[in-house]
Protein backbone atom coordinates (compact mmCIF):
# COMPACT_ATOMS: atom_id res chain seq x y z
CA UNK A 1 0.03 0.10 -0.01
CA UNK A 2 0.95 3.31 -0.84
CA UNK A 3 0.93 5.11 3.09
CA UNK A 4 2.52 8.20 4.32
CA UNK A 5 3.72 8.13 7.76
CA UNK A 6 3.57 11.53 8.67
CA UNK A 7 0.73 12.78 11.06
CA UNK A 8 -0.59 16.59 10.02
CA UNK A 9 -3.94 15.76 11.86
CA UNK A 10 -2.35 14.94 15.49
CA UNK A 11 -5.71 16.00 17.74
CA UNK A 12 -7.45 18.26 14.83
CA UNK A 13 -9.50 21.42 15.58
CA UNK A 14 -10.56 19.40 18.89
CA UNK A 15 -7.73 18.93 21.46
CA UNK A 16 -8.65 17.96 24.81
CA UNK A 17 -9.07 19.55 28.03
CA UNK A 18 -5.50 18.59 29.40
CA UNK A 19 -7.26 18.98 32.55
CA UNK A 20 -4.16 20.34 34.33
CA UNK A 21 -3.85 19.77 38.61
CA UNK A 22 -5.47 22.50 40.03
CA UNK A 23 -7.53 24.06 37.14
CA UNK A 24 -4.38 25.14 35.55
CA UNK A 25 -4.66 27.45 32.85
CA UNK A 26 -1.41 26.52 31.51
CA UNK A 27 1.89 24.26 31.64
CA UNK A 28 5.11 26.13 31.73
CA UNK A 29 7.61 23.29 31.80
CA UNK A 30 11.69 24.37 32.13
CA UNK A 31 14.61 21.91 30.46
CA UNK A 32 17.99 22.94 31.27
CA UNK A 33 20.19 20.41 28.65
CA UNK A 34 23.32 19.20 30.38
CA UNK A 35 25.67 18.78 27.63
CA UNK A 36 29.08 20.10 28.68
CA UNK A 37 31.59 17.24 28.64
CA UNK A 38 29.35 15.04 26.25
CA UNK A 39 30.32 17.06 23.11
CA UNK A 40 31.82 16.36 20.23
CA UNK A 41 35.82 16.49 21.58
CA UNK A 42 38.95 14.45 20.46
CA UNK A 43 39.55 13.95 24.22
CA UNK A 44 36.08 11.81 23.73
CA UNK A 45 36.92 9.70 21.37
CA UNK A 46 35.95 11.66 18.60
CA UNK A 47 37.42 12.93 14.94
CA UNK A 48 36.66 16.35 15.56
CA UNK A 49 35.71 19.03 17.41
CA UNK A 50 32.22 20.54 18.18
CA UNK A 51 30.88 23.28 15.55
CA UNK A 52 26.91 23.66 17.50
CA UNK A 53 25.61 25.74 19.57
CA UNK A 54 28.22 27.96 21.13
CA UNK A 55 29.27 31.72 20.92
CA UNK A 56 31.22 31.28 18.00
CA UNK A 57 28.54 31.30 15.43
CA UNK A 58 29.09 29.18 12.10
CA UNK A 59 31.88 27.31 13.74
CA UNK A 60 33.39 24.11 11.91
CA UNK A 61 34.69 21.26 13.04
CA UNK A 62 38.01 20.54 13.05
CA UNK A 63 39.44 17.19 11.89
CA UNK A 64 41.95 15.70 14.15
CA UNK A 65 42.37 18.57 16.42
CA UNK A 66 41.32 20.15 19.56
CA UNK A 67 39.53 23.33 19.41
CA UNK A 68 40.82 25.26 22.94
CA UNK A 69 38.46 28.18 22.46
CA UNK A 70 35.78 25.81 21.63
CA UNK A 71 36.05 23.39 24.81
CA UNK A 72 36.49 26.72 26.72
CA UNK A 73 33.13 28.07 25.99
CA UNK A 74 31.54 24.70 26.88
CA UNK A 75 33.71 24.44 30.50
CA UNK A 76 32.13 28.16 31.13
CA UNK A 77 28.52 26.07 31.00
CA UNK A 78 29.43 23.42 33.85
CA UNK A 79 31.71 25.90 36.04
CA UNK A 80 29.15 28.98 35.58
CA UNK A 81 26.13 28.51 34.02
CA UNK A 82 24.77 25.72 35.31
CA UNK A 83 25.19 27.02 38.93
CA UNK A 84 23.58 30.53 38.00
CA UNK A 85 20.75 28.21 36.86
CA UNK A 86 20.42 26.05 39.76
CA UNK A 87 20.28 29.38 41.67
CA UNK A 88 17.52 30.75 40.08
CA UNK A 89 15.37 28.10 40.10
CA UNK A 90 15.95 26.76 43.26
CA UNK A 91 15.41 30.73 44.15
CA UNK A 92 11.57 30.46 42.82
CA UNK A 93 10.91 27.21 43.87
CA UNK A 94 10.61 25.33 40.71
CA UNK A 95 11.67 22.19 39.67
CA UNK A 96 13.00 21.30 36.33
CA UNK A 97 14.06 18.66 33.93
CA UNK A 98 17.20 18.01 32.88
CA UNK A 99 17.97 16.45 29.53
CA UNK A 100 21.55 15.11 30.68
CA UNK A 101 23.97 13.23 28.64
CA UNK A 102 25.68 10.32 30.53
CA UNK A 103 28.81 11.14 29.55
CA UNK A 104 28.15 14.48 30.57
CA UNK A 105 26.98 13.46 33.77
CA UNK A 106 29.50 10.90 34.30
CA UNK A 107 32.18 14.27 34.41
CA UNK A 108 30.06 16.54 36.26
CA UNK A 109 29.67 14.76 39.79
CA UNK A 110 29.01 17.77 41.67
CA UNK A 111 26.39 19.35 39.39
CA UNK A 112 24.37 15.66 39.51
CA UNK A 113 24.21 16.31 43.26
CA UNK A 114 22.62 19.40 42.79
CA UNK A 115 20.45 18.37 40.39
CA UNK A 116 19.58 15.35 42.94
CA UNK A 117 19.41 17.69 45.90
CA UNK A 118 16.95 20.16 44.58
CA UNK A 119 14.56 17.51 43.61
CA UNK A 120 15.49 18.07 39.66
CA UNK A 121 14.39 15.46 36.95
CA UNK A 122 17.28 13.92 34.97
CA UNK A 123 15.82 12.69 31.75
CA UNK A 124 18.19 11.12 29.05
CA UNK A 125 20.12 13.07 26.85
CA UNK A 126 21.75 9.80 25.06
CA UNK A 127 25.21 9.01 25.37
CA UNK A 128 27.16 11.56 23.59
CA UNK A 129 25.96 15.21 22.45
CA UNK A 130 26.87 13.92 18.78
CA UNK A 131 24.62 13.71 15.37
CA UNK A 132 22.97 10.35 14.76
CA UNK A 133 21.27 10.98 11.28
CA UNK A 134 24.24 8.92 9.45
CA UNK A 135 24.64 6.21 12.51
CA UNK A 136 22.91 2.77 11.51
CA UNK A 137 20.30 1.88 13.77
CA UNK A 138 22.25 -0.71 15.60
CA UNK A 139 24.95 1.75 16.00
CA UNK A 140 22.50 4.08 17.47
CA UNK A 141 20.76 1.12 19.76
CA UNK A 142 23.83 0.17 21.19
CA UNK A 143 25.17 4.12 22.04
CA UNK A 144 20.98 3.78 23.97
CA UNK A 145 21.88 0.83 25.41
CA UNK A 146 25.20 2.55 27.35
CA UNK A 147 23.69 5.87 27.87
CA UNK A 148 20.74 4.26 29.86
CA UNK A 149 23.49 1.64 31.68
CA UNK A 150 26.07 4.77 32.35
CA UNK A 151 23.06 6.90 33.47
CA UNK A 152 21.71 4.83 35.74
CA UNK A 153 25.38 4.14 37.52
CA UNK A 154 25.82 7.56 37.95
CA UNK A 155 22.82 9.13 38.74
CA UNK A 156 21.49 6.69 40.96
CA UNK A 157 18.27 5.73 38.85
CA UNK A 158 17.43 4.74 35.64
CA UNK A 159 16.08 7.77 33.36
CA UNK A 160 11.93 7.50 32.84
CA UNK A 161 12.73 10.27 30.19
CA UNK A 162 14.26 9.90 26.46
CA UNK A 163 15.85 13.49 24.52
CA UNK A 164 18.28 13.03 22.16
CA UNK A 165 17.90 16.38 20.18
CA UNK A 166 20.24 15.47 17.04
CA UNK A 167 18.70 12.14 16.15
CA UNK A 168 18.23 10.04 12.96
CA UNK A 169 14.94 8.76 11.92
CA UNK A 170 15.44 5.91 13.84
CA UNK A 171 15.36 7.43 17.63
CA UNK A 172 11.99 7.87 18.36
CA UNK A 173 10.63 4.21 17.62
CA UNK A 174 14.41 3.05 19.64
CA UNK A 175 13.52 4.70 22.37
CA UNK A 176 9.95 3.69 22.37
CA UNK A 177 10.45 -0.21 21.55
CA UNK A 178 13.25 0.04 24.98
CA UNK A 179 10.01 -0.26 26.92
CA UNK A 180 11.85 1.57 29.60
CA UNK A 181 10.86 5.35 28.89
CA UNK A 182 7.92 7.09 30.37
CA UNK A 183 8.11 9.73 27.98
CA UNK A 184 10.01 10.45 24.81
CA UNK A 185 10.45 13.83 23.90
CA UNK A 186 12.02 13.49 20.13
CA UNK A 187 9.84 15.67 18.31
CA UNK A 188 8.11 19.74 18.19
CA UNK A 189 5.08 18.82 16.89
CA UNK A 190 2.44 19.53 19.25
CA UNK A 191 1.62 21.83 22.25
CA UNK A 192 0.45 18.69 23.99
CA UNK A 193 1.13 15.27 24.80
CA UNK A 194 0.41 12.44 23.27
CA UNK A 195 0.42 8.82 22.37
CA UNK A 196 2.50 7.16 19.37
CA UNK A 197 1.93 3.21 18.78
CA UNK A 198 5.44 1.84 17.97
CA UNK A 199 4.64 -1.70 17.37
CA UNK A 200 2.28 -3.16 20.25
CA UNK A 201 3.32 -0.48 22.89
CA UNK A 202 1.55 2.88 23.11
CA UNK A 203 4.40 5.68 23.54
CA UNK A 204 4.01 8.77 25.49
CA UNK A 205 5.47 11.69 23.67
CA UNK A 206 5.78 14.78 25.44
CA UNK A 207 6.56 17.08 22.38
CA UNK A 208 9.80 19.99 22.80
CA UNK A 209 10.95 23.31 21.54
CA UNK A 210 13.27 24.45 19.58
CA UNK A 211 11.67 28.02 19.44
CA UNK A 212 11.11 28.96 22.77
CA UNK A 213 14.59 27.26 23.35
CA UNK A 214 18.55 30.03 24.21
CA UNK A 215 19.82 27.71 21.27
CA UNK A 216 18.77 30.78 19.27
CA UNK A 217 21.44 32.99 20.69
CA UNK A 218 23.59 30.52 18.71
CA UNK A 219 21.94 30.84 15.49
CA UNK A 220 21.46 32.90 12.26
CA UNK A 221 18.81 34.90 12.45
CA UNK A 222 18.55 34.22 16.05
CA UNK A 223 18.14 35.95 19.22
CA UNK A 224 20.53 38.89 18.90
CA UNK A 225 19.45 40.33 22.85
CA UNK A 226 18.08 39.05 26.45
CA UNK A 227 15.19 41.63 25.84
CA UNK A 228 14.42 40.02 22.42
CA UNK A 229 14.58 36.27 24.59
CA UNK A 230 12.13 37.62 27.34
CA UNK A 231 9.85 39.27 24.89
CA UNK A 232 9.47 35.72 22.59
CA UNK A 233 8.89 33.85 26.10
CA UNK A 234 6.42 36.03 27.58
CA UNK A 235 5.03 36.60 24.13
CA UNK A 236 4.37 32.75 23.53
CA UNK A 237 3.07 32.58 27.37
CA UNK A 238 0.41 35.20 26.70
CA UNK A 239 -0.90 33.17 23.84
CA UNK A 240 -1.02 30.03 25.65
CA UNK A 241 -2.49 31.27 28.42
CA UNK A 242 -5.63 32.73 26.50
CA UNK A 243 -5.87 29.74 24.98
CA UNK A 244 -5.95 28.11 28.61
CA UNK A 245 -8.88 30.65 29.88
CA UNK A 246 -11.61 29.81 26.65
CA UNK A 247 -10.80 25.85 28.07
CA UNK A 248 -7.88 24.50 25.98
CA UNK A 249 -5.20 24.70 28.38
CA UNK A 250 -1.77 23.74 26.26
CA UNK A 251 1.88 23.08 27.62
CA UNK A 252 4.87 25.48 26.94
CA UNK A 253 8.43 23.95 26.80
CA UNK A 254 11.26 26.29 27.59
CA UNK A 255 14.69 24.71 26.26
CA UNK A 256 17.83 25.97 28.25
CA UNK A 257 21.51 25.21 28.07
CA UNK A 258 24.10 26.47 30.89
CA UNK A 259 26.34 27.74 28.09
CA UNK A 260 23.93 29.79 27.03
CA UNK A 261 21.30 31.26 28.82
CA UNK A 262 23.73 31.10 31.91
CA UNK A 263 25.70 33.99 30.31
CA UNK A 264 25.26 36.79 33.28
CA UNK A 265 23.87 39.20 29.94
CA UNK A 266 20.92 36.51 29.36
CA UNK A 267 20.35 34.94 32.93
CA UNK A 268 18.41 38.27 33.45
CA UNK A 269 15.80 37.86 30.85
CA UNK A 270 14.57 34.39 32.03
CA UNK A 271 14.88 35.87 35.66
CA UNK A 272 12.19 38.46 34.74
CA UNK A 273 10.30 35.82 32.36
CA UNK A 274 9.99 33.42 35.91
CA UNK A 275 8.87 36.20 37.33
CA UNK A 276 6.34 37.13 35.14
CA UNK A 277 3.89 34.25 35.00
CA UNK A 278 4.51 34.19 38.42
CA UNK A 279 1.70 37.21 38.23
CA UNK A 280 -0.84 34.69 36.87
CA UNK A 281 -3.05 32.27 38.39
CA UNK A 282 -3.59 28.94 37.14
CA UNK A 283 0.28 28.30 36.12
CA UNK A 284 1.66 24.99 36.78
CA UNK A 285 5.66 24.48 36.69
CA UNK A 286 6.25 20.53 36.88
CA UNK A 287 8.75 18.45 35.42
CA UNK A 288 8.44 16.50 32.53
CA UNK A 289 7.70 13.18 34.46
CA UNK A 290 4.96 15.08 36.41
CA UNK A 291 3.32 15.77 33.01
CA UNK A 292 3.97 12.06 32.12
CA UNK A 293 2.28 10.84 35.00
CA UNK A 294 -0.50 13.34 35.13
CA UNK A 295 -1.64 12.75 31.12
CA UNK A 296 -1.13 8.89 31.89
CA UNK A 297 -3.84 8.73 34.66
CA UNK A 298 -5.99 11.78 32.99
CA UNK A 299 -5.42 10.79 29.46
CA UNK A 300 -4.66 7.13 28.94
CA UNK A 301 -3.92 5.40 25.42
CA UNK A 302 -7.30 4.79 24.17
CA UNK A 303 -7.82 1.14 22.47
CA UNK A 304 -6.27 0.84 18.87
CA UNK A 305 -9.42 2.06 17.14
CA UNK A 306 -9.39 0.57 12.99
CA UNK A 307 -7.37 3.18 10.81
CA UNK A 308 -8.79 3.54 7.69
CA UNK A 309 -5.24 3.99 6.39
CA UNK A 310 -3.98 0.89 7.31
CA UNK A 311 -7.00 -1.32 6.28
CA UNK A 312 -6.21 -3.95 3.43
CA UNK A 313 -8.02 -3.11 0.16
CA UNK A 314 -11.36 -5.41 0.78
CA UNK A 315 -11.67 -4.07 3.74
CA UNK A 316 -11.68 -0.77 3.04
CA UNK A 317 -14.02 -1.12 0.27
CA UNK A 318 -16.12 -3.26 2.50
CA UNK A 319 -16.04 -0.40 4.89
CA UNK A 320 -16.43 2.75 2.52
CA UNK A 321 -17.63 1.04 -0.51
CA UNK A 322 -21.52 2.57 -0.23
CA UNK A 323 -20.44 6.05 1.00
CA UNK A 324 -20.90 7.22 -2.74
CA UNK A 325 -24.18 5.80 -3.34
CA UNK A 326 -23.77 2.15 -5.36
CA UNK A 327 -20.54 3.06 -6.55
CA UNK A 328 -17.87 0.98 -4.38
CA UNK A 329 -15.21 1.86 -7.35
CA UNK A 330 -14.70 4.88 -5.58
CA UNK A 331 -13.52 3.69 -2.38
CA UNK A 332 -11.07 0.97 -4.54
CA UNK A 333 -9.35 3.85 -6.12
CA UNK A 334 -9.08 5.96 -3.49
CA UNK A 335 -7.35 2.85 -1.15
CA UNK A 336 -4.83 3.05 -3.53
CA UNK A 337 -3.72 7.02 -3.32
CA UNK A 338 -0.94 8.04 -0.76
CA UNK A 339 -3.40 7.50 2.81
CA UNK A 340 -1.89 8.19 6.12
CA UNK A 341 -2.86 9.31 9.58
CA UNK A 342 -4.17 12.81 8.45
CA UNK A 343 -7.03 9.99 6.46
CA UNK A 344 -7.76 8.43 9.71
CA UNK A 345 -11.11 11.21 10.52
CA UNK A 346 -14.52 11.72 8.73
CA UNK A 347 -12.76 15.42 6.46
CA UNK A 348 -9.57 13.13 5.44
CA UNK A 349 -11.50 10.23 4.30
CA UNK A 350 -14.18 12.56 2.55
CA UNK A 351 -11.29 14.19 0.95
CA UNK A 352 -9.71 10.81 -0.48
CA UNK A 353 -13.05 9.47 -2.02
CA UNK A 354 -13.74 12.99 -3.44
CA UNK A 355 -11.15 13.09 -4.91
CA UNK A 356 -11.92 10.00 -7.15
CA UNK A 357 -15.14 11.05 -7.82
CA UNK A 358 -13.84 14.30 -9.12
CA UNK A 359 -11.37 12.99 -11.29
CA UNK A 360 -13.57 10.23 -12.59
CA UNK A 361 -15.20 10.71 -16.22
CA UNK A 362 -18.30 12.89 -16.82
CA UNK A 363 -19.63 9.35 -17.53
CA UNK A 364 -18.99 7.68 -14.35
CA UNK A 365 -19.59 10.71 -12.23
CA UNK A 366 -23.03 10.69 -14.01
CA UNK A 367 -23.68 6.80 -13.04
CA UNK A 368 -22.90 8.12 -9.59
CA UNK A 369 -26.00 10.64 -9.58
CA UNK A 370 -27.90 8.23 -11.57
CA UNK A 371 -27.33 5.67 -8.78
CA UNK A 372 -28.96 7.68 -6.44
CA UNK A 373 -32.86 7.41 -5.70
CA UNK A 374 -35.45 9.85 -6.52
CA UNK A 375 -36.87 11.52 -3.23
CA UNK A 376 -40.06 9.99 -1.83
CA UNK A 377 -40.24 8.14 -5.15
CA UNK A 378 -41.03 5.10 -5.61
CA UNK A 379 -37.94 2.86 -4.46
CA UNK A 380 -38.74 4.72 -1.12
CA UNK A 381 -42.50 3.58 -1.47
CA UNK A 382 -41.59 0.09 -1.99
CA UNK A 383 -38.96 0.32 0.87
CA UNK A 384 -35.87 -0.45 -1.52
CA UNK A 385 -33.20 1.77 -0.50
CA UNK A 386 -30.07 1.89 1.04
CA UNK A 387 -29.84 2.19 4.73
CA UNK A 388 -27.95 5.50 4.37
CA UNK A 389 -30.96 6.39 1.84
CA UNK A 390 -33.80 5.88 4.17
CA UNK A 391 -32.32 7.15 7.25
CA UNK A 392 -31.46 10.29 5.27
CA UNK A 393 -34.93 10.66 3.68
CA UNK A 394 -36.85 9.70 7.02
CA UNK A 395 -34.93 12.48 8.43
CA UNK A 396 -36.41 15.04 6.50
CA UNK A 397 -39.88 13.41 7.53
CA UNK A 398 -40.23 12.19 3.93
CA UNK A 399 -41.26 9.05 4.64
CA UNK A 400 -44.40 9.96 6.15
CA UNK A 401 -45.94 12.70 3.37
CA UNK A 402 -49.58 12.94 2.98
CA UNK A 403 -50.90 12.38 -1.00
CA UNK A 404 -50.76 15.36 -2.20
CA UNK A 405 -47.37 15.65 -1.01
CA UNK A 406 -46.40 12.60 -2.40
CA UNK A 407 -47.93 13.55 -5.22
CA UNK A 408 -45.83 16.80 -5.67
CA UNK A 409 -42.58 15.04 -5.15
CA UNK A 410 -43.82 12.58 -8.30
CA UNK A 411 -44.26 15.31 -10.39
CA UNK A 412 -41.28 17.03 -10.05
CA UNK A 413 -38.74 13.75 -9.84
CA UNK A 414 -40.40 13.04 -13.66
CA UNK A 415 -40.42 16.77 -14.49
CA UNK A 416 -36.40 16.93 -13.36
CA UNK A 417 -35.08 13.80 -14.70
CA UNK A 418 -36.76 14.47 -17.94
CA UNK A 419 -35.15 17.77 -18.59
CA UNK A 420 -31.31 16.68 -16.45
CA UNK A 421 -31.05 12.82 -17.19
CA UNK A 422 -30.48 11.85 -13.33
CA UNK A 423 -32.66 12.45 -10.30
CA UNK A 424 -32.80 15.25 -8.00
CA UNK A 425 -30.44 15.19 -5.58
CA UNK A 426 -29.88 17.10 -2.10
CA UNK A 427 -28.42 16.54 1.40
CA UNK A 428 -31.81 16.33 2.95
CA UNK A 429 -30.20 16.31 6.78
CA UNK A 430 -29.24 19.98 5.77
CA UNK A 431 -33.12 21.02 5.57
CA UNK A 432 -36.27 20.59 6.08
CA UNK A 433 -39.05 19.24 4.05
CA UNK A 434 -40.69 22.77 2.96
CA UNK A 435 -36.69 24.01 2.09
CA UNK A 436 -36.12 20.72 0.02
CA UNK A 437 -39.22 21.29 -2.05
CA UNK A 438 -38.21 25.02 -2.29
CA UNK A 439 -34.59 24.04 -3.85
CA UNK A 440 -36.35 21.34 -5.81
CA UNK A 441 -38.44 24.30 -7.85
CA UNK A 442 -35.41 26.42 -8.06
CA UNK A 443 -32.95 23.92 -9.40
CA UNK A 444 -35.22 22.38 -12.03
CA UNK A 445 -35.07 25.95 -13.79
CA UNK A 446 -31.33 25.33 -14.13
CA UNK A 447 -29.68 24.62 -17.26
CA UNK A 448 -28.16 21.10 -17.22
CA UNK A 449 -24.51 21.51 -16.55
CA UNK A 450 -25.06 23.78 -13.88
CA UNK A 451 -27.21 21.52 -12.09
CA UNK A 452 -24.80 18.74 -13.10
CA UNK A 453 -22.29 20.35 -10.87
CA UNK A 454 -24.82 21.22 -8.22
CA UNK A 455 -25.60 17.55 -7.66
CA UNK A 456 -22.12 16.54 -7.84
CA UNK A 457 -21.66 18.96 -4.55
CA UNK A 458 -24.58 17.61 -2.81
CA UNK A 459 -23.29 13.80 -3.34
CA UNK A 460 -20.22 15.26 -1.97
CA UNK A 461 -21.98 16.50 0.73
CA UNK A 462 -24.19 13.33 1.36
CA UNK A 463 -21.10 11.52 1.29
CA UNK A 464 -19.40 13.60 4.22
CA UNK A 465 -22.80 13.25 6.50
CA UNK A 466 -22.44 9.23 6.20
CA UNK A 467 -18.98 9.62 6.91
CA UNK A 468 -19.51 10.81 10.33
CA UNK A 469 -21.92 9.10 10.71
CA UNK A 470 -19.70 6.36 11.18
CA UNK A 471 -16.98 7.82 13.29
């Protein structure tokens, strides 16, 4: 099957009510990335120096050489920046999640002790802070296994959360398949946690952020000053807080690095933001593991539902072959499209089916129109309509007409078919009996080309209503 794996639908237009503890309107979650001592460096067995996320914007790796300035910048994060962040959050009474690179944590016993004493969560940030895009799945799995082992040894307990950051296409699936993580954060695709099915397991995903992230101090067109960082965090908070007051509470992630925001000229912006959010009611500042525990309790994974995009052809046609009246060929063709998670909802299914109807020849579309029964016609009287058509006509009271009404419908049906060559089609659930009659009398006068287009639009509307009935 031609299937597309990326999910562009997510929660769709109606995300769930997060039901944050205490009725909070927003969850603001701070992450401190601890990478110093885990970056690319010849001392760590790497082939070249680090070139990512430092004050040296645009730096390039130095193959076979140590980069003294780069190492020194990273050292600042461990020696000074970490402690500045530690003081800020402990003074504010806000526990954070640490994304800890295992090899970096092993080189930072004092910082690890301070994290634990503060009640911070220490999640895994991988074995080394390197790029895995070119690793084989087997090599990446080996590093993941070693990261978990070393983390457990250094921290004293296994990590319950995972975030690699510099991922491959395999990272999320590999982390999920370990069965060890209460959450995985290697996505940036939502403002709420969600469940992802990986093999037989439902893995909780808590998306992370690259926009509310101090990394933009070290990238082109990023933040040039603390004021810009503060303004962006504040505006993000204001937008999400407003949504929370309207019953759509969200999560805001803030990503931090010891060597970046830990600088004196930037820490004040973060401090101002912390003080700003403390001025609002209904703000929850949890660790990511707290969010995971809450989501699992309030929004557990649901039993695996039938996903149309994953049906085989026969099952798909059996389920949806009658959506367009007596025209299973539309479902047959739709099944061959590039379907994916976005099609596992009424809007997505309707789009796939309607595409095949629209791209069909005029003769094929005429066949679909002619497959529809007359309104309140002989088939209805003989109770020979499809189950869907029967329910639709009954919804507008067309199954309970007076003799005079029935005679009028029969006369209109005959005149309409004689003029246009196909039955009068209307999504009866959008109208009452009087409205249907008015539309009948208006449309019968249209030219056939215009009426053909109108009828095709009504066929698509009927199909959409039928799909919604099935959801």
